[in-house]
């Protein structure tokens, strides 16, 4: 009788999900209050504020929201490239590399 491993990876557990939501909420509140009313992890908020400024005719203010959205898309694409490179070589450390790059980016910008 074969046994199957049904353990869940640590990054898919409820506790980690709650911690990520709390940290993301804190980062969004901090950057919204400290860095010119933009969100750092909630890009849908930046998209909504971008649309509001476009509809109101405040075209100069739209850059404040467009730049974080652009860098978020760049970061997501870069993370995907890292994943593709390491998965093809059977090295499953791409999550740690992505987290390290994100940590270094946050440390440099704050």
N, C-alpha and C. Protein backbone atom coordinates (compact mmCIF):
# COMPACT_ATOMS: atom_id res chain seq x y z
N UNK A 1 0.84 -1.17 0.00
CA UNK A 1 0.00 0.00 0.00
C UNK A 1 0.90 1.24 0.00
N UNK A 2 0.77 2.07 -1.02
CA UNK A 2 1.59 3.26 -1.15
C UNK A 2 0.97 4.40 -0.34
N UNK A 3 1.83 5.14 0.31
CA UNK A 3 1.36 6.30 1.06
C UNK A 3 1.68 7.54 0.25
N UNK A 4 0.77 8.46 0.26
CA UNK A 4 0.98 9.72 -0.44
C UNK A 4 1.22 10.82 0.58
N UNK A 5 2.10 11.72 0.22
CA UNK A 5 2.42 12.84 1.09
C UNK A 5 1.40 13.95 0.85
N UNK A 6 0.55 14.21 1.81
CA UNK A 6 -0.51 15.22 1.66
C UNK A 6 -0.19 16.50 2.42
N UNK A 7 1.05 16.65 2.85
CA UNK A 7 1.42 17.87 3.55
C UNK A 7 1.36 19.06 2.60
N UNK A 8 0.92 20.16 3.15
CA UNK A 8 0.80 21.38 2.39
C UNK A 8 2.11 22.17 2.51
N UNK A 9 2.58 22.80 1.42
CA UNK A 9 3.76 23.65 1.56
C UNK A 9 3.49 24.78 2.54
N UNK A 10 4.52 25.22 3.25
CA UNK A 10 4.36 26.23 4.30
C UNK A 10 3.77 27.53 3.75
N UNK A 11 4.12 27.88 2.51
CA UNK A 11 3.64 29.14 1.96
C UNK A 11 2.18 29.07 1.51
N UNK A 12 1.54 27.92 1.62
CA UNK A 12 0.12 27.79 1.28
C UNK A 12 -0.76 27.59 2.52
N UNK A 13 -0.22 27.79 3.70
CA UNK A 13 -0.99 27.58 4.92
C UNK A 13 -1.79 28.85 5.27
N UNK A 14 -2.80 28.67 6.09
CA UNK A 14 -3.65 29.78 6.51
C UNK A 14 -2.85 30.82 7.30
N UNK A 15 -1.98 30.38 8.19
CA UNK A 15 -1.20 31.32 8.99
C UNK A 15 -0.34 32.23 8.12
N UNK A 16 0.33 31.66 7.13
CA UNK A 16 1.16 32.47 6.24
C UNK A 16 0.29 33.42 5.43
N UNK A 17 -0.89 32.98 5.00
CA UNK A 17 -1.81 33.86 4.28
C UNK A 17 -2.25 35.04 5.13
N UNK A 18 -2.55 34.78 6.39
CA UNK A 18 -2.94 35.86 7.30
C UNK A 18 -1.79 36.82 7.52
N UNK A 19 -0.58 36.29 7.72
CA UNK A 19 0.58 37.15 7.92
C UNK A 19 0.87 38.00 6.68
N UNK A 20 0.77 37.42 5.49
CA UNK A 20 0.99 38.18 4.26
C UNK A 20 -0.06 39.28 4.09
N UNK A 21 -1.31 38.99 4.42
CA UNK A 21 -2.36 40.00 4.33
C UNK A 21 -2.10 41.14 5.32
N UNK A 22 -1.67 40.80 6.53
CA UNK A 22 -1.39 41.83 7.53
C UNK A 22 -0.20 42.70 7.12
N UNK A 23 0.86 42.08 6.64
CA UNK A 23 2.04 42.84 6.21
C UNK A 23 1.71 43.71 5.01
N UNK A 24 0.95 43.16 4.04
CA UNK A 24 0.55 43.94 2.88
C UNK A 24 -0.31 45.13 3.26
N UNK A 25 -1.23 44.92 4.19
CA UNK A 25 -2.07 46.02 4.66
C UNK A 25 -1.26 47.10 5.37
N UNK A 26 -0.30 46.67 6.19
CA UNK A 26 0.56 47.64 6.87
C UNK A 26 1.39 48.43 5.86
N UNK A 27 1.98 47.72 4.90
CA UNK A 27 2.80 48.41 3.89
C UNK A 27 1.96 49.40 3.09
N UNK A 28 0.73 49.02 2.74
CA UNK A 28 -0.13 49.93 2.00
C UNK A 28 -0.49 51.16 2.83
N UNK A 29 -0.84 50.96 4.09
CA UNK A 29 -1.17 52.10 4.95
C UNK A 29 0.03 53.01 5.14
N UNK A 30 1.20 52.42 5.35
CA UNK A 30 2.42 53.20 5.54
C UNK A 30 2.77 54.02 4.31
N UNK A 31 2.77 53.39 3.14
CA UNK A 31 3.13 54.13 1.94
C UNK A 31 2.06 55.14 1.55
N UNK A 32 0.80 54.84 1.80
CA UNK A 32 -0.26 55.79 1.48
C UNK A 32 -0.11 57.05 2.33
N UNK A 33 0.20 56.87 3.60
CA UNK A 33 0.33 58.02 4.49
C UNK A 33 1.68 58.75 4.33
N UNK A 34 2.72 58.04 3.95
CA UNK A 34 4.07 58.63 3.95
C UNK A 34 4.62 58.99 2.58
N UNK A 35 4.14 58.36 1.54
CA UNK A 35 4.75 58.54 0.22
C UNK A 35 3.77 59.04 -0.83
N UNK A 36 2.99 60.01 -0.50
CA UNK A 36 2.18 60.68 -1.51
C UNK A 36 0.92 59.95 -1.95
N UNK A 37 0.26 59.27 -1.04
CA UNK A 37 -1.03 58.64 -1.29
C UNK A 37 -1.01 57.62 -2.44
N UNK A 38 0.04 56.78 -2.46
CA UNK A 38 0.10 55.65 -3.38
C UNK A 38 0.21 54.38 -2.55
N UNK A 39 -0.25 53.28 -3.12
CA UNK A 39 -0.19 51.99 -2.45
C UNK A 39 1.03 51.22 -2.92
N UNK A 40 1.62 50.43 -2.04
CA UNK A 40 2.81 49.67 -2.43
C UNK A 40 2.46 48.26 -2.87
N UNK A 41 1.46 47.64 -2.29
CA UNK A 41 1.15 46.26 -2.67
C UNK A 41 -0.26 46.10 -3.22
N UNK A 42 -1.12 47.05 -3.02
CA UNK A 42 -2.49 46.97 -3.51
C UNK A 42 -2.59 47.74 -4.82
N UNK A 43 -2.25 47.09 -5.93
CA UNK A 43 -2.23 47.79 -7.20
C UNK A 43 -3.61 48.14 -7.70
N UNK A 44 -4.62 47.41 -7.26
CA UNK A 44 -5.98 47.77 -7.68
C UNK A 44 -6.35 49.15 -7.13
N UNK A 45 -5.86 49.49 -5.95
CA UNK A 45 -6.08 50.83 -5.40
C UNK A 45 -5.42 51.89 -6.24
N UNK A 46 -4.21 51.61 -6.71
CA UNK A 46 -3.52 52.56 -7.60
C UNK A 46 -4.25 52.70 -8.93
N UNK A 47 -4.79 51.60 -9.46
CA UNK A 47 -5.53 51.65 -10.72
C UNK A 47 -6.80 52.48 -10.54
N UNK A 48 -7.49 52.31 -9.41
CA UNK A 48 -8.70 53.09 -9.15
C UNK A 48 -8.37 54.57 -9.04
N UNK A 49 -7.32 54.91 -8.29
CA UNK A 49 -6.94 56.32 -8.14
C UNK A 49 -6.44 56.90 -9.45
N UNK A 50 -5.78 56.09 -10.28
CA UNK A 50 -5.36 56.53 -11.61
C UNK A 50 -6.59 56.86 -12.45
N UNK A 51 -7.59 55.99 -12.43
CA UNK A 51 -8.81 56.24 -13.19
C UNK A 51 -9.57 57.46 -12.71
N UNK A 52 -9.62 57.66 -11.40
CA UNK A 52 -10.30 58.83 -10.85
C UNK A 52 -9.61 60.11 -11.31
N UNK A 53 -8.29 60.13 -11.27
CA UNK A 53 -7.56 61.32 -11.71
C UNK A 53 -7.70 61.55 -13.21
N UNK A 54 -7.71 60.47 -13.99
CA UNK A 54 -7.92 60.62 -15.43
C UNK A 54 -9.31 61.18 -15.72
N UNK A 55 -10.33 60.64 -15.05
CA UNK A 55 -11.70 61.09 -15.27
C UNK A 55 -11.90 62.53 -14.80
N UNK A 56 -11.15 62.93 -13.78
CA UNK A 56 -11.28 64.30 -13.25
C UNK A 56 -10.46 65.30 -14.04
N UNK A 57 -9.64 64.82 -14.96
CA UNK A 57 -8.81 65.72 -15.75
C UNK A 57 -7.51 66.12 -15.08
N UNK A 58 -7.13 65.46 -14.00
CA UNK A 58 -5.87 65.75 -13.32
C UNK A 58 -4.77 64.87 -13.92
N UNK A 59 -4.36 65.21 -15.13
CA UNK A 59 -3.44 64.36 -15.87
C UNK A 59 -2.04 64.34 -15.27
N UNK A 60 -1.61 65.42 -14.67
CA UNK A 60 -0.28 65.45 -14.06
C UNK A 60 -0.21 64.51 -12.86
N UNK A 61 -1.31 64.33 -12.13
CA UNK A 61 -1.32 63.46 -10.95
C UNK A 61 -1.36 61.99 -11.31
N UNK A 62 -1.69 61.66 -12.56
CA UNK A 62 -1.78 60.26 -12.94
C UNK A 62 -0.42 59.57 -12.92
N UNK A 63 0.66 60.30 -13.13
CA UNK A 63 1.99 59.68 -13.10
C UNK A 63 2.32 59.13 -11.73
N UNK A 64 1.77 59.75 -10.70
CA UNK A 64 2.01 59.28 -9.34
C UNK A 64 1.49 57.85 -9.15
N UNK A 65 0.44 57.47 -9.89
CA UNK A 65 -0.14 56.14 -9.78
C UNK A 65 0.33 55.20 -10.89
N UNK A 66 0.67 55.77 -12.04
CA UNK A 66 1.10 54.95 -13.16
C UNK A 66 2.46 54.32 -12.90
N UNK A 67 3.37 55.04 -12.27
CA UNK A 67 4.73 54.52 -12.03
C UNK A 67 4.72 53.30 -11.11
N UNK A 68 4.00 53.29 -9.97
CA UNK A 68 3.95 52.06 -9.16
C UNK A 68 3.32 50.88 -9.91
N UNK A 69 2.31 51.15 -10.72
CA UNK A 69 1.69 50.07 -11.50
C UNK A 69 2.68 49.50 -12.49
N UNK A 70 3.43 50.37 -13.15
CA UNK A 70 4.43 49.94 -14.12
C UNK A 70 5.52 49.10 -13.45
N UNK A 71 6.02 49.54 -12.31
CA UNK A 71 7.06 48.78 -11.61
C UNK A 71 6.52 47.47 -11.04
N UNK A 72 5.25 47.44 -10.64
CA UNK A 72 4.65 46.18 -10.20
C UNK A 72 4.62 45.18 -11.35
N UNK A 73 4.22 45.64 -12.52
CA UNK A 73 4.19 44.75 -13.69
C UNK A 73 5.61 44.29 -14.05
N UNK A 74 6.57 45.18 -13.97
CA UNK A 74 7.96 44.81 -14.23
C UNK A 74 8.43 43.76 -13.23
N UNK A 75 8.12 43.95 -11.96
CA UNK A 75 8.53 42.99 -10.92
C UNK A 75 7.87 41.64 -11.09
N UNK A 76 6.58 41.63 -11.47
CA UNK A 76 5.89 40.36 -11.70
C UNK A 76 6.49 39.62 -12.88
N UNK A 77 6.83 40.34 -13.93
CA UNK A 77 7.47 39.71 -15.08
C UNK A 77 8.85 39.18 -14.74
N UNK A 78 9.60 39.94 -13.97
CA UNK A 78 10.94 39.51 -13.56
C UNK A 78 10.87 38.27 -12.68
N UNK A 79 9.89 38.24 -11.77
CA UNK A 79 9.70 37.06 -10.91
C UNK A 79 9.35 35.84 -11.75
N UNK A 80 8.55 36.04 -12.79
CA UNK A 80 8.20 34.93 -13.67
C UNK A 80 9.43 34.42 -14.41
N UNK A 81 10.30 35.31 -14.85
CA UNK A 81 11.54 34.89 -15.51
C UNK A 81 12.43 34.08 -14.57
N UNK A 82 12.53 34.53 -13.33
CA UNK A 82 13.33 33.79 -12.36
C UNK A 82 12.74 32.39 -12.15
N UNK A 83 11.43 32.31 -12.03
CA UNK A 83 10.78 31.01 -11.84
C UNK A 83 11.05 30.09 -13.03
N UNK A 84 10.91 30.61 -14.23
CA UNK A 84 11.13 29.78 -15.42
C UNK A 84 12.57 29.28 -15.49
N UNK A 85 13.52 30.11 -15.13
CA UNK A 85 14.93 29.74 -15.19
C UNK A 85 15.25 28.62 -14.20
N UNK A 86 14.74 28.75 -12.98
CA UNK A 86 15.08 27.76 -11.95
C UNK A 86 14.24 26.50 -12.01
N UNK A 87 13.01 26.58 -12.47
CA UNK A 87 12.18 25.38 -12.56
C UNK A 87 12.72 24.45 -13.65
N UNK A 88 13.21 25.02 -14.75
CA UNK A 88 13.75 24.19 -15.82
C UNK A 88 15.01 23.46 -15.38
N UNK A 89 15.73 23.98 -14.43
CA UNK A 89 16.95 23.34 -13.94
C UNK A 89 16.69 22.50 -12.70
N UNK A 90 15.43 22.26 -12.38
CA UNK A 90 15.02 21.49 -11.21
C UNK A 90 15.57 22.05 -9.89
N UNK A 91 15.73 23.33 -9.82
CA UNK A 91 16.12 23.99 -8.58
C UNK A 91 14.90 24.76 -8.07
N UNK A 92 14.39 24.36 -6.93
CA UNK A 92 13.17 24.97 -6.42
C UNK A 92 13.47 26.02 -5.36
N UNK A 93 14.36 26.92 -5.69
CA UNK A 93 14.68 28.00 -4.76
C UNK A 93 14.25 29.35 -5.31
N UNK A 94 13.46 29.36 -6.35
CA UNK A 94 13.10 30.62 -6.96
C UNK A 94 12.27 31.50 -6.04
N UNK A 95 11.48 30.91 -5.13
CA UNK A 95 10.72 31.73 -4.19
C UNK A 95 11.65 32.50 -3.26
N UNK A 96 12.70 31.84 -2.78
CA UNK A 96 13.64 32.49 -1.88
C UNK A 96 14.41 33.60 -2.62
N UNK A 97 14.76 33.37 -3.87
CA UNK A 97 15.46 34.39 -4.65
C UNK A 97 14.55 35.60 -4.87
N UNK A 98 13.28 35.36 -5.20
CA UNK A 98 12.34 36.46 -5.37
C UNK A 98 12.18 37.26 -4.08
N UNK A 99 12.07 36.57 -2.95
CA UNK A 99 11.93 37.26 -1.67
C UNK A 99 13.17 38.07 -1.33
N UNK A 100 14.34 37.53 -1.63
CA UNK A 100 15.58 38.25 -1.36
C UNK A 100 15.67 39.53 -2.21
N UNK A 101 15.32 39.43 -3.48
CA UNK A 101 15.33 40.61 -4.35
C UNK A 101 14.33 41.65 -3.86
N UNK A 102 13.14 41.19 -3.45
CA UNK A 102 12.12 42.11 -2.93
C UNK A 102 12.60 42.78 -1.64
N UNK A 103 13.21 42.01 -0.76
CA UNK A 103 13.73 42.56 0.49
C UNK A 103 14.82 43.60 0.22
N UNK A 104 15.71 43.31 -0.70
CA UNK A 104 16.76 44.28 -1.04
C UNK A 104 16.16 45.56 -1.65
N UNK A 105 15.15 45.39 -2.49
CA UNK A 105 14.50 46.56 -3.08
C UNK A 105 13.82 47.43 -2.04
N UNK A 106 13.13 46.80 -1.10
CA UNK A 106 12.46 47.56 -0.04
C UNK A 106 13.49 48.27 0.83
N UNK A 107 14.58 47.56 1.17
CA UNK A 107 15.62 48.16 2.02
C UNK A 107 16.27 49.35 1.31
N UNK A 108 16.45 49.28 0.01
CA UNK A 108 17.07 50.39 -0.72
C UNK A 108 16.13 51.59 -0.85
N UNK A 109 14.83 51.34 -0.93
CA UNK A 109 13.89 52.42 -1.15
C UNK A 109 13.38 53.10 0.11
N UNK A 110 13.48 52.42 1.23
CA UNK A 110 12.94 53.01 2.47
C UNK A 110 13.97 53.79 3.20
